[in-house]
Amino acid sequence: MMYGRALQHWYSCVSMGAGYVCGGQTASGSALGSPGVATTPATDYYHSLACTKSQGDNMCFEKCLREEWEKPRPFYSIVPGVGTQCQQYDEDVNRRCRNQCGLK
């Protein structure tokens, strides 16, 4: 179904000791357009059956993701060209960190 991907919430997780820390983006108000904010552990959490490993263990990459998650989020919107929705944010952060760490 074409809408399946569009309705999925995307975020990334990295292992931290015995657990995981995750980061993503959501809207602070209207999904049509509002300031983007960090998601919370209640919305973004590691679940082995729902997650796909996209990168092998790499300290540089994992550190980069954690640092990116500390930065302010871009304007959020599900409307193309208006803002950055969660899938775009996750892809952008992962791409920046792969580039920074020399990964594919």
N, C-alpha and C. Protein backbone atom coordinates (compact mmCIF):
# COMPACT_ATOMS: atom_id res chain seq x y z
N MET A 1 0.84 -1.18 0.00
CA MET A 1 0.00 0.00 0.00
C MET A 1 0.89 1.25 0.00
N MET A 2 0.58 2.17 -0.82
CA MET A 2 1.39 3.36 -0.99
C MET A 2 1.50 4.20 0.28
N TYR A 3 0.47 4.24 1.11
CA TYR A 3 0.49 5.08 2.29
C TYR A 3 1.24 4.46 3.46
N GLY A 4 1.59 3.18 3.38
CA GLY A 4 2.27 2.50 4.48
C GLY A 4 3.52 3.22 4.94
N ARG A 5 4.41 3.53 4.04
CA ARG A 5 5.65 4.21 4.39
C ARG A 5 5.37 5.63 4.87
N ALA A 6 4.44 6.30 4.24
CA ALA A 6 4.14 7.68 4.60
C ALA A 6 3.60 7.80 6.03
N LEU A 7 2.99 6.77 6.53
CA LEU A 7 2.41 6.81 7.87
C LEU A 7 3.34 6.27 8.95
N GLN A 8 4.52 5.79 8.56
CA GLN A 8 5.46 5.26 9.53
C GLN A 8 6.24 6.38 10.21
N HIS A 9 6.45 6.24 11.51
CA HIS A 9 7.31 7.17 12.25
C HIS A 9 8.71 6.59 12.24
N TRP A 10 9.68 7.36 11.78
CA TRP A 10 11.06 6.90 11.70
C TRP A 10 11.91 7.58 12.74
N TYR A 11 12.83 6.83 13.31
CA TYR A 11 13.84 7.33 14.24
C TYR A 11 14.94 6.30 14.31
N SER A 12 16.05 6.66 14.95
CA SER A 12 17.20 5.75 15.07
C SER A 12 17.51 5.51 16.53
N CYS A 13 18.16 4.39 16.78
CA CYS A 13 18.59 4.03 18.14
C CYS A 13 20.04 3.55 18.09
N VAL A 14 20.77 3.81 19.17
CA VAL A 14 22.12 3.28 19.33
C VAL A 14 22.21 2.63 20.70
N SER A 15 23.04 1.60 20.79
CA SER A 15 23.21 0.91 22.07
C SER A 15 24.04 1.77 23.01
N MET A 16 23.63 1.74 24.26
CA MET A 16 24.33 2.47 25.32
C MET A 16 24.40 1.56 26.54
N GLY A 17 25.52 0.90 26.71
CA GLY A 17 25.64 -0.02 27.84
C GLY A 17 24.67 -1.18 27.69
N ALA A 18 23.80 -1.35 28.67
CA ALA A 18 22.85 -2.45 28.66
C ALA A 18 21.56 -2.09 27.93
N GLY A 19 21.41 -0.84 27.49
CA GLY A 19 20.17 -0.42 26.85
C GLY A 19 20.42 0.32 25.55
N TYR A 20 19.45 1.10 25.17
CA TYR A 20 19.50 1.87 23.93
C TYR A 20 19.05 3.30 24.20
N VAL A 21 19.56 4.22 23.39
CA VAL A 21 19.06 5.59 23.38
C VAL A 21 18.63 5.86 21.94
N CYS A 22 17.49 6.52 21.80
CA CYS A 22 16.92 6.76 20.47
C CYS A 22 16.67 8.24 20.26
N GLY A 23 16.62 8.64 19.00
CA GLY A 23 16.36 10.03 18.67
C GLY A 23 15.60 10.18 17.38
N GLY A 24 14.74 11.17 17.36
CA GLY A 24 13.94 11.44 16.18
C GLY A 24 13.35 12.84 16.25
N GLN A 25 12.42 13.10 15.38
CA GLN A 25 11.77 14.41 15.31
C GLN A 25 10.27 14.24 15.23
N THR A 26 9.56 15.18 15.84
CA THR A 26 8.11 15.24 15.73
C THR A 26 7.70 16.71 15.72
N ALA A 27 6.42 16.94 15.52
CA ALA A 27 5.89 18.31 15.50
C ALA A 27 5.58 18.76 16.93
N SER A 28 5.78 20.04 17.19
CA SER A 28 5.40 20.59 18.49
C SER A 28 3.92 20.96 18.51
N GLY A 29 3.31 21.00 17.35
CA GLY A 29 1.89 21.37 17.22
C GLY A 29 1.31 20.64 16.02
N SER A 30 0.85 21.42 15.06
CA SER A 30 0.24 20.86 13.87
C SER A 30 1.26 20.12 13.00
N ALA A 31 0.88 18.95 12.52
CA ALA A 31 1.74 18.20 11.60
C ALA A 31 1.84 18.89 10.24
N LEU A 32 0.94 19.81 9.97
CA LEU A 32 0.99 20.55 8.71
C LEU A 32 2.07 21.62 8.73
N GLY A 33 2.51 21.99 9.93
CA GLY A 33 3.58 22.95 10.06
C GLY A 33 3.69 23.51 11.47
N SER A 34 4.78 23.21 12.14
CA SER A 34 5.07 23.74 13.47
C SER A 34 6.54 23.47 13.78
N PRO A 35 7.08 24.16 14.78
CA PRO A 35 8.48 23.90 15.12
C PRO A 35 8.70 22.42 15.43
N GLY A 36 9.79 21.88 14.91
CA GLY A 36 10.15 20.49 15.20
C GLY A 36 10.74 20.37 16.58
N VAL A 37 10.47 19.25 17.22
CA VAL A 37 11.02 18.99 18.56
C VAL A 37 11.52 17.55 18.61
N ALA A 38 12.38 17.30 19.57
CA ALA A 38 12.88 15.95 19.79
C ALA A 38 11.75 15.06 20.29
N THR A 39 11.76 13.84 19.85
CA THR A 39 10.80 12.87 20.37
C THR A 39 11.24 12.43 21.76
N THR A 40 10.37 11.74 22.45
CA THR A 40 10.66 11.32 23.82
C THR A 40 10.87 9.81 23.87
N PRO A 41 11.45 9.31 24.96
CA PRO A 41 11.61 7.86 25.11
C PRO A 41 10.27 7.11 25.09
N ALA A 42 9.17 7.80 25.38
CA ALA A 42 7.86 7.16 25.31
C ALA A 42 7.44 6.89 23.87
N THR A 43 7.90 7.71 22.94
CA THR A 43 7.54 7.51 21.53
C THR A 43 8.63 6.80 20.75
N ASP A 44 9.88 7.07 21.09
CA ASP A 44 11.01 6.46 20.37
C ASP A 44 11.77 5.55 21.32
N TYR A 45 11.63 4.27 21.10
CA TYR A 45 12.31 3.29 21.96
C TYR A 45 12.69 2.10 21.11
N TYR A 46 13.69 1.37 21.56
CA TYR A 46 14.16 0.21 20.82
C TYR A 46 13.25 -0.98 21.06
N HIS A 47 12.85 -1.62 19.97
CA HIS A 47 12.08 -2.86 20.03
C HIS A 47 12.63 -3.77 18.94
N SER A 48 13.21 -4.88 19.32
CA SER A 48 13.93 -5.74 18.37
C SER A 48 13.08 -6.19 17.19
N LEU A 49 11.79 -6.35 17.37
CA LEU A 49 10.93 -6.82 16.27
C LEU A 49 10.51 -5.69 15.33
N ALA A 50 10.65 -4.45 15.77
CA ALA A 50 10.21 -3.33 14.95
C ALA A 50 11.38 -2.56 14.33
N CYS A 51 12.60 -2.91 14.70
CA CYS A 51 13.77 -2.15 14.24
C CYS A 51 14.58 -2.93 13.21
N THR A 52 15.21 -2.19 12.32
CA THR A 52 16.09 -2.76 11.31
C THR A 52 17.47 -2.16 11.49
N LYS A 53 18.47 -3.01 11.59
CA LYS A 53 19.84 -2.52 11.74
C LYS A 53 20.30 -1.96 10.41
N SER A 54 20.64 -0.67 10.41
CA SER A 54 21.04 -0.02 9.16
C SER A 54 22.54 0.23 9.10
N GLN A 55 23.23 0.06 10.22
CA GLN A 55 24.66 0.32 10.27
C GLN A 55 25.26 -0.59 11.32
N GLY A 56 26.40 -1.19 11.01
CA GLY A 56 27.10 -2.00 11.99
C GLY A 56 27.61 -1.15 13.14
N ASP A 57 28.08 -1.80 14.18
CA ASP A 57 28.63 -1.08 15.32
C ASP A 57 29.77 -0.19 14.87
N ASN A 58 29.68 1.09 15.20
CA ASN A 58 30.70 2.04 14.82
C ASN A 58 30.63 3.21 15.81
N MET A 59 31.66 3.36 16.62
CA MET A 59 31.65 4.38 17.67
C MET A 59 31.52 5.80 17.11
N CYS A 60 32.18 6.08 15.99
CA CYS A 60 32.10 7.40 15.38
C CYS A 60 30.66 7.70 14.97
N PHE A 61 30.02 6.76 14.30
CA PHE A 61 28.65 6.93 13.82
C PHE A 61 27.68 7.11 14.99
N GLU A 62 27.81 6.28 16.00
CA GLU A 62 26.91 6.35 17.14
C GLU A 62 27.08 7.65 17.92
N LYS A 63 28.32 8.10 18.08
CA LYS A 63 28.59 9.37 18.76
C LYS A 63 28.00 10.53 17.96
N CYS A 64 28.18 10.48 16.65
CA CYS A 64 27.64 11.51 15.77
C CYS A 64 26.12 11.59 15.90
N LEU A 65 25.43 10.45 15.88
CA LEU A 65 23.97 10.46 16.03
C LEU A 65 23.57 11.10 17.35
N ARG A 66 24.21 10.71 18.44
CA ARG A 66 23.87 11.28 19.75
C ARG A 66 24.08 12.80 19.76
N GLU A 67 25.15 13.26 19.12
CA GLU A 67 25.41 14.70 19.04
C GLU A 67 24.36 15.40 18.18
N GLU A 68 23.96 14.80 17.08
CA GLU A 68 22.91 15.38 16.23
C GLU A 68 21.60 15.50 16.98
N TRP A 69 21.29 14.50 17.79
CA TRP A 69 20.03 14.52 18.55
C TRP A 69 19.98 15.61 19.60
N GLU A 70 21.14 16.14 19.97
CA GLU A 70 21.20 17.22 20.96
C GLU A 70 20.94 18.59 20.31
N LYS A 71 21.02 18.67 19.00
CA LYS A 71 20.84 19.93 18.28
C LYS A 71 19.36 20.26 18.12
N PRO A 72 19.05 21.56 17.91
CA PRO A 72 17.65 21.95 17.65
C PRO A 72 17.14 21.26 16.38
N ARG A 73 15.87 20.96 16.36
CA ARG A 73 15.25 20.30 15.22
C ARG A 73 14.78 21.32 14.19
N PRO A 74 14.75 20.91 12.91
CA PRO A 74 14.23 21.80 11.86
C PRO A 74 12.71 21.93 11.97
N PHE A 75 12.16 22.90 11.26
CA PHE A 75 10.72 23.09 11.20
C PHE A 75 10.08 21.80 10.70
N TYR A 76 8.99 21.39 11.31
CA TYR A 76 8.32 20.12 10.98
C TYR A 76 7.10 20.37 10.09
N SER A 77 6.95 19.54 9.08
CA SER A 77 5.73 19.54 8.28
C SER A 77 5.67 18.28 7.44
N ILE A 78 4.47 17.74 7.33
CA ILE A 78 4.27 16.60 6.44
C ILE A 78 3.98 17.07 5.01
N VAL A 79 3.85 18.39 4.84
CA VAL A 79 3.60 18.96 3.52
C VAL A 79 4.94 19.10 2.80
N PRO A 80 5.09 18.44 1.64
CA PRO A 80 6.36 18.52 0.91
C PRO A 80 6.78 19.97 0.64
N GLY A 81 8.05 20.24 0.89
CA GLY A 81 8.60 21.56 0.63
C GLY A 81 8.37 22.60 1.72
N VAL A 82 7.58 22.25 2.73
CA VAL A 82 7.28 23.21 3.80
C VAL A 82 8.19 23.00 5.00
N GLY A 83 8.50 21.76 5.31
CA GLY A 83 9.33 21.46 6.46
C GLY A 83 9.91 20.07 6.35
N THR A 84 10.44 19.58 7.45
CA THR A 84 11.10 18.29 7.51
C THR A 84 10.30 17.36 8.40
N GLN A 85 9.77 16.28 7.83
CA GLN A 85 9.05 15.33 8.66
C GLN A 85 10.03 14.29 9.23
N CYS A 86 9.55 13.39 10.06
CA CYS A 86 10.43 12.47 10.80
C CYS A 86 11.29 11.59 9.90
N GLN A 87 10.75 11.12 8.79
CA GLN A 87 11.53 10.26 7.88
C GLN A 87 12.68 11.04 7.26
N GLN A 88 12.42 12.26 6.83
CA GLN A 88 13.47 13.09 6.24
C GLN A 88 14.54 13.41 7.29
N TYR A 89 14.10 13.76 8.50
CA TYR A 89 15.04 14.07 9.57
C TYR A 89 15.95 12.87 9.84
N ASP A 90 15.37 11.70 9.98
CA ASP A 90 16.16 10.51 10.27
C ASP A 90 17.14 10.20 9.14
N GLU A 91 16.68 10.29 7.89
CA GLU A 91 17.57 10.05 6.76
C GLU A 91 18.69 11.09 6.70
N ASP A 92 18.36 12.36 6.95
CA ASP A 92 19.37 13.43 6.91
C ASP A 92 20.44 13.23 7.97
N VAL A 93 20.02 12.94 9.19
CA VAL A 93 20.97 12.75 10.29
C VAL A 93 21.86 11.54 10.02
N ASN A 94 21.27 10.45 9.57
CA ASN A 94 22.05 9.25 9.26
C ASN A 94 23.03 9.52 8.13
N ARG A 95 22.62 10.24 7.10
CA ARG A 95 23.50 10.56 5.96
C ARG A 95 24.67 11.42 6.42
N ARG A 96 24.37 12.47 7.23
CA ARG A 96 25.45 13.33 7.73
C ARG A 96 26.46 12.53 8.55
N CYS A 97 25.97 11.65 9.40
CA CYS A 97 26.88 10.88 10.26
C CYS A 97 27.67 9.85 9.46
N ARG A 98 27.06 9.23 8.45
CA ARG A 98 27.81 8.29 7.61
C ARG A 98 28.92 9.05 6.87
N ASN A 99 28.59 10.20 6.34
CA ASN A 99 29.60 11.00 5.63
C ASN A 99 30.72 11.43 6.57
N GLN A 100 30.35 11.92 7.74
CA GLN A 100 31.34 12.39 8.70
C GLN A 100 32.29 11.26 9.13
N CYS A 101 31.76 10.03 9.20
CA CYS A 101 32.56 8.89 9.67
C CYS A 101 33.13 8.05 8.54
N GLY A 102 32.95 8.49 7.29
CA GLY A 102 33.50 7.76 6.15
C GLY A 102 32.85 6.42 5.89
N LEU A 103 31.55 6.34 6.14
CA LEU A 103 30.80 5.09 5.93
C LEU A 103 29.92 5.20 4.69
N LYS A 104 29.51 4.06 4.16
CA LYS A 104 28.62 4.03 3.00
C LYS A 104 27.21 4.31 3.40
